[in-house]
Amino acid sequence: MVTEDDFEAEEMSYHRLLLAVDDDDDDSSRKAFNYACTLARTFNLPLGIVSVMETGDMNIFQSLSPDVIKSRREDIYHDLNTYVSKARAFGVKDVQPLIGEGKPERVILEEIIPEFKPDLVLLGSHTRRGHLRIGHVAGEIIREAEVSAIIVK
């Protein structure tokens, strides 16, 4: 058994960052965005920014309306591209927008992480009744992701 006397500190660094932004929670997304941009710029790391269009929160009429889906998709693309532009203006050299549709935690865990291959995922926390809380999506990603994850409060 290895004890505290038997090991030395080793450098640990990350090589690809993934930031998950929530189109419905700008405040928590902005805080996580600021931290992700700071890390990416400081350590010259590639940054992926993902936003997922939640199809499960639409009612049946919305989900069957091509105009509603198109409008929501356009809103997410616009907001995601705004994050990318602001990251580049901040000095992040390699930033990539990523988008998905479905349950955010499933899309991020099963599609985005395997394709983008980050070694660190950054997420925001929600504010509810004046208290910061880890949201459902962040909690699932922290529990199930095979890579490190940080919640930014």
C-alpha atoms as a PDB file:
ATOM      1  CA  MET A   1       0.000   0.000   0.000  1.00  0.00           C
ATOM      2  CA  VAL A   2       1.340   3.426  -0.980  1.00  0.00           C
ATOM      3  CA  THR A   3       1.507   5.928   1.854  1.00  0.00           C
ATOM      4  CA  GLU A   4       2.057   9.680   1.878  1.00  0.00           C
ATOM      5  CA  ASP A   5       5.788   9.051   2.331  1.00  0.00           C
ATOM      6  CA  ASP A   6       5.968   6.859  -0.794  1.00  0.00           C
ATOM      7  CA  PHE A   7       5.049   9.315  -3.553  1.00  0.00           C
ATOM      8  CA  GLU A   8       6.213  12.605  -5.005  1.00  0.00           C
ATOM      9  CA  ALA A   9       4.148  15.433  -6.406  1.00  0.00           C
ATOM     10  CA  GLU A  10       3.839  15.216 -10.176  1.00  0.00           C
ATOM     11  CA  GLU A  11       2.815  17.881 -12.632  1.00  0.00           C
ATOM     12  CA  MET A  12      -0.717  17.511 -13.890  1.00  0.00           C
ATOM     13  CA  SER A  13      -1.968  19.499 -16.830  1.00  0.00           C
ATOM     14  CA  TYR A  14      -4.872  19.477 -19.251  1.00  0.00           C
ATOM     15  CA  HIS A  15      -4.698  19.570 -23.035  1.00  0.00           C
ATOM     16  CA  ARG A  16      -8.287  20.102 -24.284  1.00  0.00           C
ATOM     17  CA  LEU A  17     -11.088  21.944 -22.529  1.00  0.00           C
ATOM     18  CA  LEU A  18     -14.816  21.568 -23.043  1.00  0.00           C
ATOM     19  CA  LEU A  19     -17.173  24.241 -21.762  1.00  0.00           C
ATOM     20  CA  ALA A  20     -20.878  23.418 -21.540  1.00  0.00           C
ATOM     21  CA  VAL A  21     -23.120  26.479 -21.703  1.00  0.00           C
ATOM     22  CA  ASP A  22     -26.816  26.496 -20.856  1.00  0.00           C
ATOM     23  CA  ASP A  23     -28.902  28.675 -23.139  1.00  0.00           C
ATOM     24  CA  ASP A  24     -31.451  29.006 -20.311  1.00  0.00           C
ATOM     25  CA  ASP A  25     -28.958  30.130 -17.620  1.00  0.00           C
ATOM     26  CA  ASP A  26     -26.749  32.943 -18.828  1.00  0.00           C
ATOM     27  CA  ASP A  27     -25.339  33.854 -15.404  1.00  0.00           C
ATOM     28  CA  SER A  28     -23.846  30.452 -14.598  1.00  0.00           C
ATOM     29  CA  SER A  29     -22.711  29.993 -18.187  1.00  0.00           C
ATOM     30  CA  ARG A  30     -20.874  33.325 -18.193  1.00  0.00           C
ATOM     31  CA  LYS A  31     -18.958  32.505 -15.028  1.00  0.00           C
ATOM     32  CA  ALA A  32     -17.887  29.133 -16.398  1.00  0.00           C
ATOM     33  CA  PHE A  33     -17.114  30.818 -19.747  1.00  0.00           C
ATOM     34  CA  ASN A  34     -14.815  33.359 -18.087  1.00  0.00           C
ATOM     35  CA  TYR A  35     -12.917  30.627 -16.262  1.00  0.00           C
ATOM     36  CA  ALA A  36     -12.657  28.421 -19.364  1.00  0.00           C
ATOM     37  CA  CYS A  37     -11.363  31.325 -21.449  1.00  0.00           C
ATOM     38  CA  THR A  38      -8.828  32.233 -18.776  1.00  0.00           C
ATOM     39  CA  LEU A  39      -7.493  28.660 -18.689  1.00  0.00           C
ATOM     40  CA  ALA A  40      -7.495  28.305 -22.484  1.00  0.00           C
ATOM     41  CA  ARG A  41      -5.677  31.597 -23.041  1.00  0.00           C
ATOM     42  CA  THR A  42      -3.204  31.203 -20.165  1.00  0.00           C
ATOM     43  CA  PHE A  43      -2.174  27.673 -21.117  1.00  0.00           C
ATOM     44  CA  ASN A  44      -2.818  27.998 -24.882  1.00  0.00           C
ATOM     45  CA  LEU A  45      -5.346  25.148 -24.887  1.00  0.00           C
ATOM     46  CA  PRO A  46      -8.019  24.283 -27.443  1.00  0.00           C
ATOM     47  CA  LEU A  47     -11.487  25.119 -26.156  1.00  0.00           C
ATOM     48  CA  GLY A  48     -14.716  23.522 -27.294  1.00  0.00           C
ATOM     49  CA  ILE A  49     -17.932  25.298 -26.335  1.00  0.00           C
ATOM     50  CA  VAL A  50     -21.048  23.129 -26.407  1.00  0.00           C
ATOM     51  CA  SER A  51     -24.704  24.037 -26.206  1.00  0.00           C
ATOM     52  CA  VAL A  52     -27.482  21.474 -26.455  1.00  0.00           C
ATOM     53  CA  MET A  53     -30.996  22.205 -27.647  1.00  0.00           C
ATOM     54  CA  GLU A  54     -33.225  20.440 -25.143  1.00  0.00           C
ATOM     55  CA  THR A  55     -35.921  18.726 -27.134  1.00  0.00           C
ATOM     56  CA  GLY A  56     -37.529  17.176 -24.051  1.00  0.00           C
ATOM     57  CA  ASP A  57     -38.765  20.504 -22.709  1.00  0.00           C
ATOM     58  CA  MET A  58     -40.906  21.222 -25.780  1.00  0.00           C
ATOM     59  CA  ASN A  59     -44.586  20.384 -25.758  1.00  0.00           C
ATOM     60  CA  ILE A  60     -45.978  18.127 -28.476  1.00  0.00           C
ATOM     61  CA  PHE A  61     -47.142  21.030 -30.630  1.00  0.00           C
ATOM     62  CA  GLN A  62     -43.740  22.755 -30.472  1.00  0.00           C
ATOM     63  CA  SER A  63     -41.881  19.548 -31.284  1.00  0.00           C
ATOM     64  CA  LEU A  64     -44.045  19.016 -34.379  1.00  0.00           C
ATOM     65  CA  SER A  65     -43.639  22.580 -35.627  1.00  0.00           C
ATOM     66  CA  PRO A  66     -40.683  22.992 -37.986  1.00  0.00           C
ATOM     67  CA  ASP A  67     -40.800  26.773 -37.466  1.00  0.00           C
ATOM     68  CA  VAL A  68     -40.465  26.468 -33.677  1.00  0.00           C
ATOM     69  CA  ILE A  69     -37.593  23.999 -33.949  1.00  0.00           C
ATOM     70  CA  LYS A  70     -35.864  26.110 -36.598  1.00  0.00           C
ATOM     71  CA  SER A  71     -36.221  29.244 -34.467  1.00  0.00           C
ATOM     72  CA  ARG A  72     -34.834  27.552 -31.333  1.00  0.00           C
ATOM     73  CA  ARG A  73     -31.968  26.047 -33.312  1.00  0.00           C
ATOM     74  CA  GLU A  74     -31.123  29.477 -34.783  1.00  0.00           C
ATOM     75  CA  ASP A  75     -31.172  31.046 -31.298  1.00  0.00           C
ATOM     76  CA  ILE A  76     -28.741  28.429 -29.983  1.00  0.00           C
ATOM     77  CA  TYR A  77     -26.410  28.817 -32.980  1.00  0.00           C
ATOM     78  CA  HIS A  78     -26.443  32.589 -32.527  1.00  0.00           C
ATOM     79  CA  ASP A  79     -25.684  32.410 -28.799  1.00  0.00           C
ATOM     80  CA  LEU A  80     -23.008  29.756 -29.295  1.00  0.00           C
ATOM     81  CA  ASN A  81     -21.298  31.805 -32.005  1.00  0.00           C
ATOM     82  CA  THR A  82     -21.415  34.828 -29.694  1.00  0.00           C
ATOM     83  CA  TYR A  83     -19.511  32.829 -27.055  1.00  0.00           C
ATOM     84  CA  VAL A  84     -16.967  31.745 -29.684  1.00  0.00           C
ATOM     85  CA  SER A  85     -16.459  35.328 -30.898  1.00  0.00           C
ATOM     86  CA  LYS A  86     -16.014  36.615 -27.354  1.00  0.00           C
ATOM     87  CA  ALA A  87     -13.511  33.836 -26.567  1.00  0.00           C
ATOM     88  CA  ARG A  88     -11.461  34.757 -29.633  1.00  0.00           C
ATOM     89  CA  ALA A  89     -11.626  38.460 -28.724  1.00  0.00           C
ATOM     90  CA  PHE A  90     -10.357  37.513 -25.240  1.00  0.00           C
ATOM     91  CA  GLY A  91      -7.349  35.823 -26.814  1.00  0.00           C
ATOM     92  CA  VAL A  92      -8.293  32.150 -27.037  1.00  0.00           C
ATOM     93  CA  LYS A  93      -6.574  31.023 -30.226  1.00  0.00           C
ATOM     94  CA  ASP A  94      -8.288  27.670 -30.804  1.00  0.00           C
ATOM     95  CA  VAL A  95     -12.011  27.690 -30.039  1.00  0.00           C
ATOM     96  CA  GLN A  96     -14.645  25.453 -31.606  1.00  0.00           C
ATOM     97  CA  PRO A  97     -18.444  25.640 -31.377  1.00  0.00           C
ATOM     98  CA  LEU A  98     -20.213  22.314 -30.752  1.00  0.00           C
ATOM     99  CA  ILE A  99     -23.957  21.812 -30.812  1.00  0.00           C
ATOM    100  CA  GLY A 100     -26.262  18.931 -30.047  1.00  0.00           C
ATOM    101  CA  GLU A 101     -29.938  18.142 -29.667  1.00  0.00           C
ATOM    102  CA  GLY A 102     -31.626  16.009 -27.046  1.00  0.00           C
ATOM    103  CA  LYS A 103     -31.061  15.515 -23.325  1.00  0.00           C
ATOM    104  CA  PRO A 104     -28.007  17.687 -22.580  1.00  0.00           C
ATOM    105  CA  GLU A 105     -26.316  15.252 -20.195  1.00  0.00           C
ATOM    106  CA  ARG A 106     -26.720  12.321 -22.622  1.00  0.00           C
ATOM    107  CA  VAL A 107     -25.596  14.327 -25.665  1.00  0.00           C
ATOM    108  CA  ILE A 108     -22.533  15.677 -23.857  1.00  0.00           C
ATOM    109  CA  LEU A 109     -21.559  12.317 -22.335  1.00  0.00           C
ATOM    110  CA  GLU A 110     -22.310  10.081 -25.310  1.00  0.00           C
ATOM    111  CA  GLU A 111     -21.605  12.308 -28.328  1.00  0.00           C
ATOM    112  CA  ILE A 112     -19.641  15.467 -27.563  1.00  0.00           C
ATOM    113  CA  ILE A 113     -17.022  14.128 -25.136  1.00  0.00           C
ATOM    114  CA  PRO A 114     -16.153  11.068 -27.278  1.00  0.00           C
ATOM    115  CA  GLU A 115     -15.897  13.193 -30.444  1.00  0.00           C
ATOM    116  CA  PHE A 116     -14.119  16.275 -29.051  1.00  0.00           C
ATOM    117  CA  LYS A 117     -11.965  14.277 -26.582  1.00  0.00           C
ATOM    118  CA  PRO A 118     -11.487  16.868 -23.824  1.00  0.00           C
ATOM    119  CA  ASP A 119      -9.612  15.988 -20.672  1.00  0.00           C
ATOM    120  CA  LEU A 120     -11.415  18.659 -18.632  1.00  0.00           C
ATOM    121  CA  VAL A 121     -15.094  19.664 -18.746  1.00  0.00           C
ATOM    122  CA  LEU A 122     -16.195  22.989 -17.231  1.00  0.00           C
ATOM    123  CA  LEU A 123     -19.784  23.639 -16.166  1.00  0.00           C
ATOM    124  CA  GLY A 124     -21.649  26.363 -14.307  1.00  0.00           C
ATOM    125  CA  SER A 125     -23.866  26.029 -11.272  1.00  0.00           C
ATOM    126  CA  HIS A 126     -27.453  27.248 -11.046  1.00  0.00           C
ATOM    127  CA  THR A 127     -28.767  29.889  -8.693  1.00  0.00           C
ATOM    128  CA  ARG A 128     -32.011  28.906  -7.018  1.00  0.00           C
ATOM    129  CA  ARG A 129     -33.640  30.934  -4.260  1.00  0.00           C
ATOM    130  CA  GLY A 130     -30.396  32.813  -3.684  1.00  0.00           C
ATOM    131  CA  HIS A 131     -28.268  29.662  -3.338  1.00  0.00           C
ATOM    132  CA  LEU A 132     -25.837  28.158  -5.807  1.00  0.00           C
ATOM    133  CA  ARG A 133     -26.693  24.568  -6.680  1.00  0.00           C
ATOM    134  CA  ILE A 134     -25.290  21.982  -9.000  1.00  0.00           C
ATOM    135  CA  GLY A 135     -27.911  21.417 -11.664  1.00  0.00           C
ATOM    136  CA  HIS A 136     -29.139  18.081 -12.945  1.00  0.00           C
ATOM    137  CA  VAL A 137     -26.989  18.162 -16.091  1.00  0.00           C
ATOM    138  CA  ALA A 138     -23.812  19.119 -14.239  1.00  0.00           C
ATOM    139  CA  GLY A 139     -24.436  16.460 -11.602  1.00  0.00           C
ATOM    140  CA  GLU A 140     -24.864  13.740 -14.226  1.00  0.00           C
ATOM    141  CA  ILE A 141     -21.727  14.785 -16.089  1.00  0.00           C
ATOM    142  CA  ILE A 142     -19.656  14.891 -12.898  1.00  0.00           C
ATOM    143  CA  ARG A 143     -20.888  11.421 -11.907  1.00  0.00           C
ATOM    144  CA  GLU A 144     -20.574   9.731 -15.286  1.00  0.00           C
ATOM    145  CA  ALA A 145     -17.821  11.449 -17.284  1.00  0.00           C
ATOM    146  CA  GLU A 146     -14.575   9.572 -17.618  1.00  0.00           C
ATOM    147  CA  VAL A 147     -12.698  12.882 -17.666  1.00  0.00           C
ATOM    148  CA  SER A 148     -12.187  15.515 -14.992  1.00  0.00           C
ATOM    149  CA  ALA A 149     -14.924  18.104 -14.503  1.00  0.00           C
ATOM    150  CA  ILE A 150     -15.040  21.424 -12.665  1.00  0.00           C
ATOM    151  CA  ILE A 151     -18.141  23.257 -11.485  1.00  0.00           C
ATOM    152  CA  VAL A 152     -17.635  27.008 -11.581  1.00  0.00           C
ATOM    153  CA  LYS A 153     -19.662  28.942  -9.017  1.00  0.00           C
END
